[in-house]
PDB file of N, CA and C in Angstrom:
ATOM      1  N   MET A   1       2.231 -22.562  -0.706  1.00  0.00           N
ATOM      2  CA  MET A   1       2.427 -21.284  -1.366  1.00  0.00           C
ATOM      3  C   MET A   1       1.262 -20.354  -1.064  1.00  0.00           C
ATOM      4  N   LEU A   2       1.553 -19.087  -0.859  1.00  0.00           N
ATOM      5  CA  LEU A   2       0.540 -18.070  -0.630  1.00  0.00           C
ATOM      6  C   LEU A   2       0.392 -17.232  -1.880  1.00  0.00           C
ATOM      7  N   SER A   3      -0.797 -16.786  -2.126  1.00  0.00           N
ATOM      8  CA  SER A   3      -1.037 -15.921  -3.282  1.00  0.00           C
ATOM      9  C   SER A   3      -1.585 -14.594  -2.799  1.00  0.00           C
ATOM     10  N   LEU A   4      -0.910 -13.519  -3.155  1.00  0.00           N
ATOM     11  CA  LEU A   4      -1.328 -12.181  -2.763  1.00  0.00           C
ATOM     12  C   LEU A   4      -1.677 -11.400  -4.014  1.00  0.00           C
ATOM     13  N   ASP A   5      -2.889 -10.875  -4.068  1.00  0.00           N
ATOM     14  CA  ASP A   5      -3.295 -10.018  -5.178  1.00  0.00           C
ATOM     15  C   ASP A   5      -3.192  -8.576  -4.714  1.00  0.00           C
ATOM     16  N   TYR A   6      -2.815  -7.706  -5.622  1.00  0.00           N
ATOM     17  CA  TYR A   6      -2.890  -6.307  -5.242  1.00  0.00           C
ATOM     18  C   TYR A   6      -3.269  -5.443  -6.423  1.00  0.00           C
ATOM     19  N   TYR A   7      -4.036  -4.409  -6.115  1.00  0.00           N
ATOM     20  CA  TYR A   7      -4.649  -3.576  -7.124  1.00  0.00           C
ATOM     21  C   TYR A   7      -4.527  -2.107  -6.755  1.00  0.00           C
ATOM     22  N   VAL A   8      -4.944  -1.283  -7.686  1.00  0.00           N
ATOM     23  CA  VAL A   8      -4.875   0.156  -7.496  1.00  0.00           C
ATOM     24  C   VAL A   8      -6.199   0.679  -6.950  1.00  0.00           C
ATOM     25  N   LEU A   9      -6.122   1.478  -5.912  1.00  0.00           N
ATOM     26  CA  LEU A   9      -7.264   2.204  -5.386  1.00  0.00           C
ATOM     27  C   LEU A   9      -6.797   3.635  -5.251  1.00  0.00           C
ATOM     28  N   SER A  10      -7.385   4.513  -6.004  1.00  0.00           N
ATOM     29  CA  SER A  10      -6.935   5.898  -6.015  1.00  0.00           C
ATOM     30  C   SER A  10      -8.028   6.791  -5.449  1.00  0.00           C
ATOM     31  N   LEU A  11      -7.723   7.466  -4.365  1.00  0.00           N
ATOM     32  CA  LEU A  11      -8.671   8.376  -3.749  1.00  0.00           C
ATOM     33  C   LEU A  11      -8.308   9.795  -4.164  1.00  0.00           C
ATOM     34  N   LEU A  12      -9.083  10.355  -5.027  1.00  0.00           N
ATOM     35  CA  LEU A  12      -8.753  11.672  -5.563  1.00  0.00           C
ATOM     36  C   LEU A  12      -9.828  12.676  -5.155  1.00  0.00           C
ATOM     37  N   PHE A  13      -9.437  13.649  -4.392  1.00  0.00           N
ATOM     38  CA  PHE A  13     -10.380  14.646  -3.920  1.00  0.00           C
ATOM     39  C   PHE A  13     -10.173  15.998  -4.590  1.00  0.00           C
ATOM     40  N   VAL A  14      -9.107  16.140  -5.331  1.00  0.00           N
ATOM     41  CA  VAL A  14      -8.827  17.391  -6.025  1.00  0.00           C
ATOM     42  C   VAL A  14      -8.710  17.067  -7.511  1.00  0.00           C
ATOM     43  N   SER A  15      -9.762  17.328  -8.249  1.00  0.00           N
ATOM     44  CA  SER A  15      -9.826  16.884  -9.639  1.00  0.00           C
ATOM     45  C   SER A  15      -8.921  17.678 -10.572  1.00  0.00           C
ATOM     46  N   THR A  16      -8.406  18.818 -10.135  1.00  0.00           N
ATOM     47  CA  THR A  16      -7.553  19.624 -11.003  1.00  0.00           C
ATOM     48  C   THR A  16      -6.105  19.134 -11.015  1.00  0.00           C
ATOM     49  N   LEU A  17      -5.763  18.198 -10.138  1.00  0.00           N
ATOM     50  CA  LEU A  17      -4.400  17.694 -10.058  1.00  0.00           C
ATOM     51  C   LEU A  17      -4.278  16.388 -10.828  1.00  0.00           C
ATOM     52  N   THR A  18      -3.058  16.079 -11.249  1.00  0.00           N
ATOM     53  CA  THR A  18      -2.796  14.800 -11.900  1.00  0.00           C
ATOM     54  C   THR A  18      -2.292  13.840 -10.834  1.00  0.00           C
ATOM     55  N   GLU A  19      -3.156  12.921 -10.418  1.00  0.00           N
ATOM     56  CA  GLU A  19      -2.837  12.012  -9.320  1.00  0.00           C
ATOM     57  C   GLU A  19      -3.192  10.589  -9.721  1.00  0.00           C
ATOM     58  N   ASN A  20      -2.324   9.643  -9.405  1.00  0.00           N
ATOM     59  CA  ASN A  20      -2.680   8.241  -9.554  1.00  0.00           C
ATOM     60  C   ASN A  20      -1.649   7.367  -8.873  1.00  0.00           C
ATOM     61  N   VAL A  21      -2.040   6.114  -8.662  1.00  0.00           N
ATOM     62  CA  VAL A  21      -1.109   5.115  -8.149  1.00  0.00           C
ATOM     63  C   VAL A  21      -0.968   4.026  -9.194  1.00  0.00           C
ATOM     64  N   LEU A  22       0.233   3.440  -9.259  1.00  0.00           N
ATOM     65  CA  LEU A  22       0.542   2.426 -10.253  1.00  0.00           C
ATOM     66  C   LEU A  22       1.062   1.188  -9.543  1.00  0.00           C
ATOM     67  N   GLN A  23       0.429   0.050  -9.820  1.00  0.00           N
ATOM     68  CA  GLN A  23       0.876  -1.206  -9.245  1.00  0.00           C
ATOM     69  C   GLN A  23       0.954  -2.254 -10.340  1.00  0.00           C
ATOM     70  N   PRO A  24       1.932  -3.144 -10.248  1.00  0.00           N
ATOM     71  CA  PRO A  24       1.980  -4.240 -11.210  1.00  0.00           C
ATOM     72  C   PRO A  24       0.726  -5.090 -11.080  1.00  0.00           C
ATOM     73  N   LYS A  25       0.242  -5.613 -12.196  1.00  0.00           N
ATOM     74  CA  LYS A  25      -0.956  -6.452 -12.175  1.00  0.00           C
ATOM     75  C   LYS A  25      -0.580  -7.889 -11.870  1.00  0.00           C
ATOM     76  N   GLY A  26      -1.544  -8.637 -11.360  1.00  0.00           N
ATOM     77  CA  GLY A  26      -1.333 -10.065 -11.159  1.00  0.00           C
ATOM     78  C   GLY A  26      -1.064 -10.454  -9.725  1.00  0.00           C
ATOM     79  N   ASP A  27      -0.825 -11.737  -9.553  1.00  0.00           N
ATOM     80  CA  ASP A  27      -0.600 -12.306  -8.229  1.00  0.00           C
ATOM     81  C   ASP A  27       0.880 -12.300  -7.874  1.00  0.00           C
ATOM     82  N   VAL A  28       1.126 -12.268  -6.586  1.00  0.00           N
ATOM     83  CA  VAL A  28       2.469 -12.473  -6.052  1.00  0.00           C
ATOM     84  C   VAL A  28       2.384 -13.770  -5.261  1.00  0.00           C
ATOM     85  N   THR A  29       3.233 -14.707  -5.573  1.00  0.00           N
ATOM     86  CA  THR A  29       3.223 -16.001  -4.885  1.00  0.00           C
ATOM     87  C   THR A  29       4.490 -16.137  -4.054  1.00  0.00           C
ATOM     88  N   ALA A  30       4.316 -16.565  -2.804  1.00  0.00           N
ATOM     89  CA  ALA A  30       5.460 -16.716  -1.904  1.00  0.00           C
ATOM     90  C   ALA A  30       5.167 -17.861  -0.940  1.00  0.00           C
ATOM     91  N   THR A  31       6.185 -18.277  -0.237  1.00  0.00           N
ATOM     92  CA  THR A  31       6.079 -19.378   0.707  1.00  0.00           C
ATOM     93  C   THR A  31       5.898 -18.850   2.124  1.00  0.00           C
ATOM     94  N   GLU A  32       5.101 -19.562   2.904  1.00  0.00           N
ATOM     95  CA  GLU A  32       4.884 -19.201   4.296  1.00  0.00           C
ATOM     96  C   GLU A  32       6.231 -19.059   5.004  1.00  0.00           C
ATOM     97  N   GLY A  33       6.353 -17.978   5.786  1.00  0.00           N
ATOM     98  CA  GLY A  33       7.591 -17.720   6.521  1.00  0.00           C
ATOM     99  C   GLY A  33       8.538 -16.776   5.810  1.00  0.00           C
ATOM    100  N   GLU A  34       8.375 -16.637   4.486  1.00  0.00           N
ATOM    101  CA  GLU A  34       9.224 -15.722   3.723  1.00  0.00           C
ATOM    102  C   GLU A  34       8.747 -14.279   3.890  1.00  0.00           C
ATOM    103  N   ALA A  35       9.491 -13.365   3.273  1.00  0.00           N
ATOM    104  CA  ALA A  35       9.096 -11.962   3.208  1.00  0.00           C
ATOM    105  C   ALA A  35       8.720 -11.645   1.765  1.00  0.00           C
ATOM    106  N   VAL A  36       7.844 -10.684   1.581  1.00  0.00           N
ATOM    107  CA  VAL A  36       7.441 -10.266   0.242  1.00  0.00           C
ATOM    108  C   VAL A  36       7.274  -8.750   0.250  1.00  0.00           C
ATOM    109  N   THR A  37       7.549  -8.133  -0.899  1.00  0.00           N
ATOM    110  CA  THR A  37       7.351  -6.694  -1.052  1.00  0.00           C
ATOM    111  C   THR A  37       6.387  -6.450  -2.199  1.00  0.00           C
ATOM    112  N   LEU A  38       5.340  -5.678  -1.926  1.00  0.00           N
ATOM    113  CA  LEU A  38       4.363  -5.294  -2.938  1.00  0.00           C
ATOM    114  C   LEU A  38       4.657  -3.862  -3.348  1.00  0.00           C
ATOM    115  N   ASP A  39       4.835  -3.636  -4.627  1.00  0.00           N
ATOM    116  CA  ASP A  39       5.242  -2.325  -5.123  1.00  0.00           C
ATOM    117  C   ASP A  39       4.043  -1.409  -5.332  1.00  0.00           C
ATOM    118  N   CYS A  40       4.244  -0.144  -5.088  1.00  0.00           N
ATOM    119  CA  CYS A  40       3.253   0.893  -5.397  1.00  0.00           C
ATOM    120  C   CYS A  40       4.013   2.173  -5.725  1.00  0.00           C
ATOM    121  N   ARG A  41       3.783   2.661  -6.915  1.00  0.00           N
ATOM    122  CA  ARG A  41       4.349   3.945  -7.323  1.00  0.00           C
ATOM    123  C   ARG A  41       3.214   4.919  -7.516  1.00  0.00           C
ATOM    124  N   TYR A  42       3.509   6.199  -7.394  1.00  0.00           N
ATOM    125  CA  TYR A  42       2.442   7.190  -7.486  1.00  0.00           C
ATOM    126  C   TYR A  42       2.906   8.417  -8.260  1.00  0.00           C
ATOM    127  N   ASN A  43       1.936   9.105  -8.820  1.00  0.00           N
ATOM    128  CA  ASN A  43       2.165  10.398  -9.461  1.00  0.00           C
ATOM    129  C   ASN A  43       1.296  11.410  -8.748  1.00  0.00           C
ATOM    130  N   SER A  44       1.883  12.542  -8.441  1.00  0.00           N
ATOM    131  CA  SER A  44       1.131  13.583  -7.764  1.00  0.00           C
ATOM    132  C   SER A  44       1.766  14.935  -8.044  1.00  0.00           C
ATOM    133  N   SER A  45       0.942  15.883  -8.410  1.00  0.00           N
ATOM    134  CA  SER A  45       1.426  17.244  -8.601  1.00  0.00           C
ATOM    135  C   SER A  45       1.251  18.063  -7.324  1.00  0.00           C
ATOM    136  N   SER A  46       0.743  17.432  -6.293  1.00  0.00           N
ATOM    137  CA  SER A  46       0.512  18.090  -5.020  1.00  0.00           C
ATOM    138  C   SER A  46       1.756  18.035  -4.151  1.00  0.00           C
ATOM    139  N   THR A  47       1.898  18.993  -3.273  1.00  0.00           N
ATOM    140  CA  THR A  47       2.993  18.980  -2.308  1.00  0.00           C
ATOM    141  C   THR A  47       2.594  18.200  -1.057  1.00  0.00           C
ATOM    142  N   THR A  48       1.319  17.845  -0.942  1.00  0.00           N
ATOM    143  CA  THR A  48       0.818  17.103   0.203  1.00  0.00           C
ATOM    144  C   THR A  48       0.183  15.808  -0.286  1.00  0.00           C
ATOM    145  N   SER A  49       0.924  14.715  -0.194  1.00  0.00           N
ATOM    146  CA  SER A  49       0.422  13.412  -0.637  1.00  0.00           C
ATOM    147  C   SER A  49       0.482  12.418   0.515  1.00  0.00           C
ATOM    148  N   TYR A  50      -0.594  11.691   0.694  1.00  0.00           N
ATOM    149  CA  TYR A  50      -0.681  10.648   1.714  1.00  0.00           C
ATOM    150  C   TYR A  50      -0.931   9.330   0.998  1.00  0.00           C
ATOM    151  N   LEU A  51      -0.120   8.315   1.318  1.00  0.00           N
ATOM    152  CA  LEU A  51      -0.254   7.003   0.700  1.00  0.00           C
ATOM    153  C   LEU A  51      -0.738   6.015   1.746  1.00  0.00           C
ATOM    154  N   TYR A  52      -1.643   5.132   1.329  1.00  0.00           N
ATOM    155  CA  TYR A  52      -2.263   4.163   2.224  1.00  0.00           C
ATOM    156  C   TYR A  52      -2.180   2.766   1.643  1.00  0.00           C
ATOM    157  N   TRP A  53      -2.109   1.769   2.512  1.00  0.00           N
ATOM    158  CA  TRP A  53      -2.235   0.371   2.124  1.00  0.00           C
ATOM    159  C   TRP A  53      -3.413  -0.233   2.880  1.00  0.00           C
ATOM    160  N   TYR A  54      -4.211  -1.028   2.147  1.00  0.00           N
ATOM    161  CA  TYR A  54      -5.364  -1.724   2.707  1.00  0.00           C
ATOM    162  C   TYR A  54      -5.299  -3.188   2.325  1.00  0.00           C
ATOM    163  N   LYS A  55      -5.910  -4.031   3.147  1.00  0.00           N
ATOM    164  CA  LYS A  55      -5.981  -5.467   2.900  1.00  0.00           C
ATOM    165  C   LYS A  55      -7.445  -5.881   2.881  1.00  0.00           C
ATOM    166  N   GLN A  56      -7.830  -6.646   1.851  1.00  0.00           N
ATOM    167  CA  GLN A  56      -9.210  -7.118   1.759  1.00  0.00           C
ATOM    168  C   GLN A  56      -9.239  -8.644   1.726  1.00  0.00           C
ATOM    169  N   ASP A  57      -9.889  -9.233   2.719  1.00  0.00           N
ATOM    170  CA  ASP A  57     -10.054 -10.680   2.807  1.00  0.00           C
ATOM    171  C   ASP A  57     -11.430 -11.057   2.271  1.00  0.00           C
ATOM    172  N   GLY A  58     -11.467 -11.947   1.301  1.00  0.00           N
ATOM    173  CA  GLY A  58     -12.742 -12.453   0.802  1.00  0.00           C
ATOM    174  C   GLY A  58     -13.728 -11.351   0.452  1.00  0.00           C
ATOM    175  N   ASN A  59     -14.930 -11.463   0.982  1.00  0.00           N
ATOM    176  CA  ASN A  59     -15.991 -10.486   0.696  1.00  0.00           C
ATOM    177  C   ASN A  59     -16.088  -9.389   1.743  1.00  0.00           C
ATOM    178  N   HIS A  60     -15.093  -9.291   2.611  1.00  0.00           N
ATOM    179  CA  HIS A  60     -15.098  -8.259   3.649  1.00  0.00           C
ATOM    180  C   HIS A  60     -14.633  -6.923   3.082  1.00  0.00           C
ATOM    181  N   SER A  61     -14.913  -5.864   3.790  1.00  0.00           N
ATOM    182  CA  SER A  61     -14.454  -4.531   3.396  1.00  0.00           C
ATOM    183  C   SER A  61     -12.937  -4.441   3.563  1.00  0.00           C
ATOM    184  N   PRO A  62     -12.281  -3.588   2.763  1.00  0.00           N
ATOM    185  CA  PRO A  62     -10.835  -3.396   2.941  1.00  0.00           C
ATOM    186  C   PRO A  62     -10.516  -2.903   4.354  1.00  0.00           C
ATOM    187  N   LYS A  63      -9.414  -3.393   4.894  1.00  0.00           N
ATOM    188  CA  LYS A  63      -8.997  -3.034   6.251  1.00  0.00           C
ATOM    189  C   LYS A  63      -7.688  -2.244   6.178  1.00  0.00           C
ATOM    190  N   PHE A  64      -7.630  -1.149   6.911  1.00  0.00           N
ATOM    191  CA  PHE A  64      -6.446  -0.283   6.946  1.00  0.00           C
ATOM    192  C   PHE A  64      -5.241  -1.038   7.499  1.00  0.00           C
ATOM    193  N   ILE A  65      -4.116  -0.937   6.768  1.00  0.00           N
ATOM    194  CA  ILE A  65      -2.846  -1.499   7.242  1.00  0.00           C
ATOM    195  C   ILE A  65      -1.949  -0.372   7.741  1.00  0.00           C
ATOM    196  N   LEU A  66      -1.663   0.594   6.839  1.00  0.00           N
ATOM    197  CA  LEU A  66      -0.772   1.688   7.229  1.00  0.00           C
ATOM    198  C   LEU A  66      -0.918   2.877   6.291  1.00  0.00           C
ATOM    199  N   SER A  67      -0.399   3.996   6.737  1.00  0.00           N
ATOM    200  CA  SER A  67      -0.341   5.209   5.912  1.00  0.00           C
ATOM    201  C   SER A  67       1.048   5.806   6.032  1.00  0.00           C
ATOM    202  N   ARG A  68       1.457   6.489   4.977  1.00  0.00           N
ATOM    203  CA  ARG A  68       2.745   7.187   4.990  1.00  0.00           C
ATOM    204  C   ARG A  68       2.585   8.528   4.286  1.00  0.00           C
ATOM    205  N   PHE A  69       3.229   9.544   4.851  1.00  0.00           N
ATOM    206  CA  PHE A  69       3.226  10.842   4.186  1.00  0.00           C
ATOM    207  C   PHE A  69       4.626  11.415   4.057  1.00  0.00           C
ATOM    208  N   LYS A  70       5.584  10.835   4.719  1.00  0.00           N
ATOM    209  CA  LYS A  70       6.971  11.292   4.636  1.00  0.00           C
ATOM    210  C   LYS A  70       7.860  10.201   5.210  1.00  0.00           C
ATOM    211  N   LEU A  71       8.720   9.621   4.380  1.00  0.00           N
ATOM    212  CA  LEU A  71       9.621   8.544   4.803  1.00  0.00           C
ATOM    213  C   LEU A  71       8.866   7.481   5.607  1.00  0.00           C
ATOM    214  N   ASP A  72       9.230   7.324   6.883  1.00  0.00           N
ATOM    215  CA  ASP A  72       8.564   6.340   7.743  1.00  0.00           C
ATOM    216  C   ASP A  72       7.450   6.963   8.562  1.00  0.00           C
ATOM    217  N   GLU A  73       7.182   8.247   8.339  1.00  0.00           N
ATOM    218  CA  GLU A  73       6.163   8.913   9.134  1.00  0.00           C
ATOM    219  C   GLU A  73       4.769   8.534   8.651  1.00  0.00           C
ATOM    220  N   GLY A  74       3.893   8.295   9.599  1.00  0.00           N
ATOM    221  CA  GLY A  74       2.537   7.893   9.289  1.00  0.00           C
ATOM    222  C   GLY A  74       2.039   6.984  10.400  1.00  0.00           C
ATOM    223  N   ASN A  75       1.000   6.225  10.107  1.00  0.00           N
ATOM    224  CA  ASN A  75       0.405   5.341  11.102  1.00  0.00           C
ATOM    225  C   ASN A  75       0.372   3.918  10.578  1.00  0.00           C
ATOM    226  N   THR A  76       0.522   2.979  11.496  1.00  0.00           N
ATOM    227  CA  THR A  76       0.379   1.569  11.179  1.00  0.00           C
ATOM    228  C   THR A  76      -0.606   0.977  12.177  1.00  0.00           C
ATOM    229  N   ALA A  77      -1.585   0.221  11.662  1.00  0.00           N
ATOM    230  CA  ALA A  77      -2.570  -0.410  12.536  1.00  0.00           C
ATOM    231  C   ALA A  77      -1.853  -1.311  13.541  1.00  0.00           C
ATOM    232  N   ASP A  78      -2.326  -1.307  14.775  1.00  0.00           N
ATOM    233  CA  ASP A  78      -1.672  -2.061  15.842  1.00  0.00           C
ATOM    234  C   ASP A  78      -1.466  -3.528  15.488  1.00  0.00           C
ATOM    235  N   ASP A  79      -2.439  -4.144  14.853  1.00  0.00           N
ATOM    236  CA  ASP A  79      -2.329  -5.565  14.546  1.00  0.00           C
ATOM    237  C   ASP A  79      -1.436  -5.858  13.343  1.00  0.00           C
ATOM    238  N   HIS A  80      -0.826  -4.810  12.765  1.00  0.00           N
ATOM    239  CA  HIS A  80       0.079  -5.000  11.625  1.00  0.00           C
ATOM    240  C   HIS A  80       1.493  -4.470  11.899  1.00  0.00           C
ATOM    241  N   LYS A  81       1.717  -3.887  13.050  1.00  0.00           N
ATOM    242  CA  LYS A  81       3.005  -3.239  13.338  1.00  0.00           C
ATOM    243  C   LYS A  81       4.189  -4.194  13.331  1.00  0.00           C
ATOM    244  N   GLU A  82       3.978  -5.428  13.722  1.00  0.00           N
ATOM    245  CA  GLU A  82       5.103  -6.353  13.870  1.00  0.00           C
ATOM    246  C   GLU A  82       5.658  -6.835  12.531  1.00  0.00           C
ATOM    247  N   ARG A  83       4.791  -7.044  11.521  1.00  0.00           N
ATOM    248  CA  ARG A  83       5.254  -7.677  10.284  1.00  0.00           C
ATOM    249  C   ARG A  83       5.076  -6.835   9.024  1.00  0.00           C
ATOM    250  N   PHE A  84       4.343  -5.735   9.094  1.00  0.00           N
ATOM    251  CA  PHE A  84       4.076  -4.908   7.918  1.00  0.00           C
ATOM    252  C   PHE A  84       4.797  -3.569   8.051  1.00  0.00           C
ATOM    253  N   SER A  85       5.494  -3.169   6.979  1.00  0.00           N
ATOM    254  CA  SER A  85       6.215  -1.894   7.027  1.00  0.00           C
ATOM    255  C   SER A  85       6.271  -1.266   5.643  1.00  0.00           C
ATOM    256  N   SER A  86       6.549   0.025   5.633  1.00  0.00           N
ATOM    257  CA  SER A  86       6.673   0.745   4.370  1.00  0.00           C
ATOM    258  C   SER A  86       7.442   2.032   4.615  1.00  0.00           C
ATOM    259  N   THR A  87       8.187   2.436   3.605  1.00  0.00           N
ATOM    260  CA  THR A  87       8.886   3.717   3.630  1.00  0.00           C
ATOM    261  C   THR A  87       8.560   4.457   2.351  1.00  0.00           C
ATOM    262  N   LEU A  88       8.080   5.664   2.482  1.00  0.00           N
ATOM    263  CA  LEU A  88       7.746   6.480   1.323  1.00  0.00           C
ATOM    264  C   LEU A  88       9.017   7.114   0.771  1.00  0.00           C
ATOM    265  N   ASN A  89       9.267   6.890  -0.502  1.00  0.00           N
ATOM    266  CA  ASN A  89      10.416   7.481  -1.178  1.00  0.00           C
ATOM    267  C   ASN A  89       9.869   8.513  -2.167  1.00  0.00           C
ATOM    268  N   SER A  90       9.913   9.786  -1.794  1.00  0.00           N
ATOM    269  CA  SER A  90       9.327  10.828  -2.637  1.00  0.00           C
ATOM    270  C   SER A  90      10.170  11.119  -3.877  1.00  0.00           C
ATOM    271  N   THR A  91      11.432  10.709  -3.881  1.00  0.00           N
ATOM    272  CA  THR A  91      12.292  10.922  -5.050  1.00  0.00           C
ATOM    273  C   THR A  91      11.833  10.064  -6.225  1.00  0.00           C
ATOM    274  N   VAL A  92      11.606   8.784  -5.969  1.00  0.00           N
ATOM    275  CA  VAL A  92      11.141   7.884  -7.032  1.00  0.00           C
ATOM    276  C   VAL A  92       9.626   7.674  -6.956  1.00  0.00           C
ATOM    277  N   ARG A  93       8.986   8.338  -5.993  1.00  0.00           N
ATOM    278  CA  ARG A  93       7.527   8.263  -5.807  1.00  0.00           C
ATOM    279  C   ARG A  93       7.058   6.826  -5.653  1.00  0.00           C
ATOM    280  N   SER A  94       7.572   6.198  -4.620  1.00  0.00           N
ATOM    281  CA  SER A  94       7.282   4.805  -4.350  1.00  0.00           C
ATOM    282  C   SER A  94       6.955   4.614  -2.872  1.00  0.00           C
ATOM    283  N   VAL A  95       6.032   3.693  -2.594  1.00  0.00           N
ATOM    284  CA  VAL A  95       5.691   3.352  -1.214  1.00  0.00           C
ATOM    285  C   VAL A  95       5.414   1.843  -1.139  1.00  0.00           C
ATOM    286  N   PRO A  96       6.480   1.025  -1.247  1.00  0.00           N
ATOM    287  CA  PRO A  96       6.310  -0.430  -1.240  1.00  0.00           C
ATOM    288  C   PRO A  96       5.883  -0.940   0.132  1.00  0.00           C
ATOM    289  N   LEU A  97       5.050  -1.971   0.119  1.00  0.00           N
ATOM    290  CA  LEU A  97       4.612  -2.612   1.354  1.00  0.00           C
ATOM    291  C   LEU A  97       5.424  -3.883   1.548  1.00  0.00           C
ATOM    292  N   LYS A  98       6.119  -3.990   2.672  1.00  0.00           N
ATOM    293  CA  LYS A  98       6.898  -5.191   2.977  1.00  0.00           C
ATOM    294  C   LYS A  98       6.170  -5.984   4.064  1.00  0.00           C
ATOM    295  N   ILE A  99       5.958  -7.265   3.778  1.00  0.00           N
ATOM    296  CA  ILE A  99       5.323  -8.163   4.741  1.00  0.00           C
ATOM    297  C   ILE A  99       6.358  -9.212   5.140  1.00  0.00           C
ATOM    298  N   GLN A 100       6.677  -9.270   6.426  1.00  0.00           N
ATOM    299  CA  GLN A 100       7.661 -10.216   6.953  1.00  0.00           C
ATOM    300  C   GLN A 100       6.958 -11.483   7.436  1.00  0.00           C
ATOM    301  N   LYS A 101       7.679 -12.588   7.461  1.00  0.00           N
ATOM    302  CA  LYS A 101       7.188 -13.840   8.049  1.00  0.00           C
ATOM    303  C   LYS A 101       5.765 -14.150   7.590  1.00  0.00           C
ATOM    304  N   LEU A 102       5.592 -14.337   6.280  1.00  0.00           N
ATOM    305  CA  LEU A 102       4.269 -14.562   5.702  1.00  0.00           C
ATOM    306  C   LEU A 102       3.509 -15.685   6.402  1.00  0.00           C
ATOM    307  N   GLN A 103       2.206 -15.429   6.561  1.00  0.00           N
ATOM    308  CA  GLN A 103       1.286 -16.399   7.144  1.00  0.00           C
ATOM    309  C   GLN A 103       0.178 -16.663   6.139  1.00  0.00           C
ATOM    310  N   VAL A 104      -0.472 -17.803   6.263  1.00  0.00           N
ATOM    311  CA  VAL A 104      -1.576 -18.131   5.366  1.00  0.00           C
ATOM    312  C   VAL A 104      -2.642 -17.041   5.419  1.00  0.00           C
ATOM    313  N   SER A 105      -2.853 -16.445   6.582  1.00  0.00           N
ATOM    314  CA  SER A 105      -3.865 -15.388   6.734  1.00  0.00           C
ATOM    315  C   SER A 105      -3.506 -14.112   5.968  1.00  0.00           C
ATOM    316  N   ASP A 106      -2.285 -14.019   5.436  1.00  0.00           N
ATOM    317  CA  ASP A 106      -1.895 -12.850   4.635  1.00  0.00           C
ATOM    318  C   ASP A 106      -2.412 -12.942   3.203  1.00  0.00           C
ATOM    319  N   SER A 107      -2.927 -14.109   2.801  1.00  0.00           N
ATOM    320  CA  SER A 107      -3.484 -14.261   1.455  1.00  0.00           C
ATOM    321  C   SER A 107      -4.719 -13.375   1.342  1.00  0.00           C
ATOM    322  N   ALA A 108      -4.646 -12.374   0.465  1.00  0.00           N
ATOM    323  CA  ALA A 108      -5.710 -11.382   0.361  1.00  0.00           C
ATOM    324  C   ALA A 108      -5.440 -10.492  -0.839  1.00  0.00           C
ATOM    325  N   VAL A 109      -6.333  -9.537  -1.048  1.00  0.00           N
ATOM    326  CA  VAL A 109      -6.124  -8.491  -2.047  1.00  0.00           C
ATOM    327  C   VAL A 109      -5.601  -7.268  -1.299  1.00  0.00           C
ATOM    328  N   TYR A 110      -4.508  -6.679  -1.809  1.00  0.00           N
ATOM    329  CA  TYR A 110      -3.898  -5.506  -1.196  1.00  0.00           C
ATOM    330  C   TYR A 110      -4.075  -4.305  -2.106  1.00  0.00           C
ATOM    331  N   TYR A 111      -4.526  -3.207  -1.513  1.00  0.00           N
ATOM    332  CA  TYR A 111      -4.767  -1.977  -2.259  1.00  0.00           C
ATOM    333  C   TYR A 111      -3.828  -0.880  -1.788  1.00  0.00           C
ATOM    334  N   CYS A 112      -3.257  -0.172  -2.738  1.00  0.00           N
ATOM    335  CA  CYS A 112      -2.481   1.027  -2.459  1.00  0.00           C
ATOM    336  C   CYS A 112      -3.365   2.211  -2.835  1.00  0.00           C
ATOM    337  N   ALA A 113      -3.448   3.203  -1.973  1.00  0.00           N
ATOM    338  CA  ALA A 113      -4.315   4.343  -2.222  1.00  0.00           C
ATOM    339  C   ALA A 113      -3.561   5.647  -2.000  1.00  0.00           C
ATOM    340  N   LEU A 114      -3.962   6.665  -2.731  1.00  0.00           N
ATOM    341  CA  LEU A 114      -3.350   7.990  -2.665  1.00  0.00           C
ATOM    342  C   LEU A 114      -4.409   9.026  -2.348  1.00  0.00           C
ATOM    343  N   TRP A 115      -4.095   9.906  -1.412  1.00  0.00           N
ATOM    344  CA  TRP A 115      -4.918  11.077  -1.149  1.00  0.00           C
ATOM    345  C   TRP A 115      -3.997  12.268  -1.272  1.00  0.00           C
ATOM    346  N   ALA A 116      -4.383  13.237  -2.077  1.00  0.00           N
ATOM    347  CA  ALA A 116      -3.535  14.403  -2.292  1.00  0.00           C
ATOM    348  C   ALA A 116      -4.376  15.660  -2.320  1.00  0.00           C
ATOM    349  N   SER A 117      -3.813  16.739  -1.838  1.00  0.00           N
ATOM    350  CA  SER A 117      -4.501  18.033  -1.904  1.00  0.00           C
ATOM    351  C   SER A 117      -3.463  19.140  -1.914  1.00  0.00           C
ATOM    352  N   ASP A 118      -3.871  20.292  -2.354  1.00  0.00           N
ATOM    353  CA  ASP A 118      -2.996  21.455  -2.311  1.00  0.00           C
ATOM    354  C   ASP A 118      -2.904  21.937  -0.879  1.00  0.00           C
ATOM    355  N   PRO A 119      -1.786  22.526  -0.512  1.00  0.00           N
ATOM    356  CA  PRO A 119      -1.630  23.029   0.856  1.00  0.00           C
ATOM    357  C   PRO A 119      -2.579  24.183   1.122  1.00  0.00           C
TER     358      PRO A 119
END
């Protein structure tokens, strides 16, 4: 069994806006080879919101996985393109991270982050 932790990391550069990300607390446990989805919902009063996912292994710094700013538009790190994906749903304000074919090396802390600014 693999254990994936994920937490909220909110990058707020415009203090006058109401911005945050919401993630369920606790661990997600899954079996190697399965797929798992980590939920992230966000609130933003901005018309320009960028959502990011990061992975942190042990005591290392968080590593960029992907970013989304509109549906599937955004960037995904080359070493994560094959098994990691996300689609931004601006209607329900959600940007879930889907990890396919879980590997033991996927056991880590996952952070969802929001950057928002006025146009």
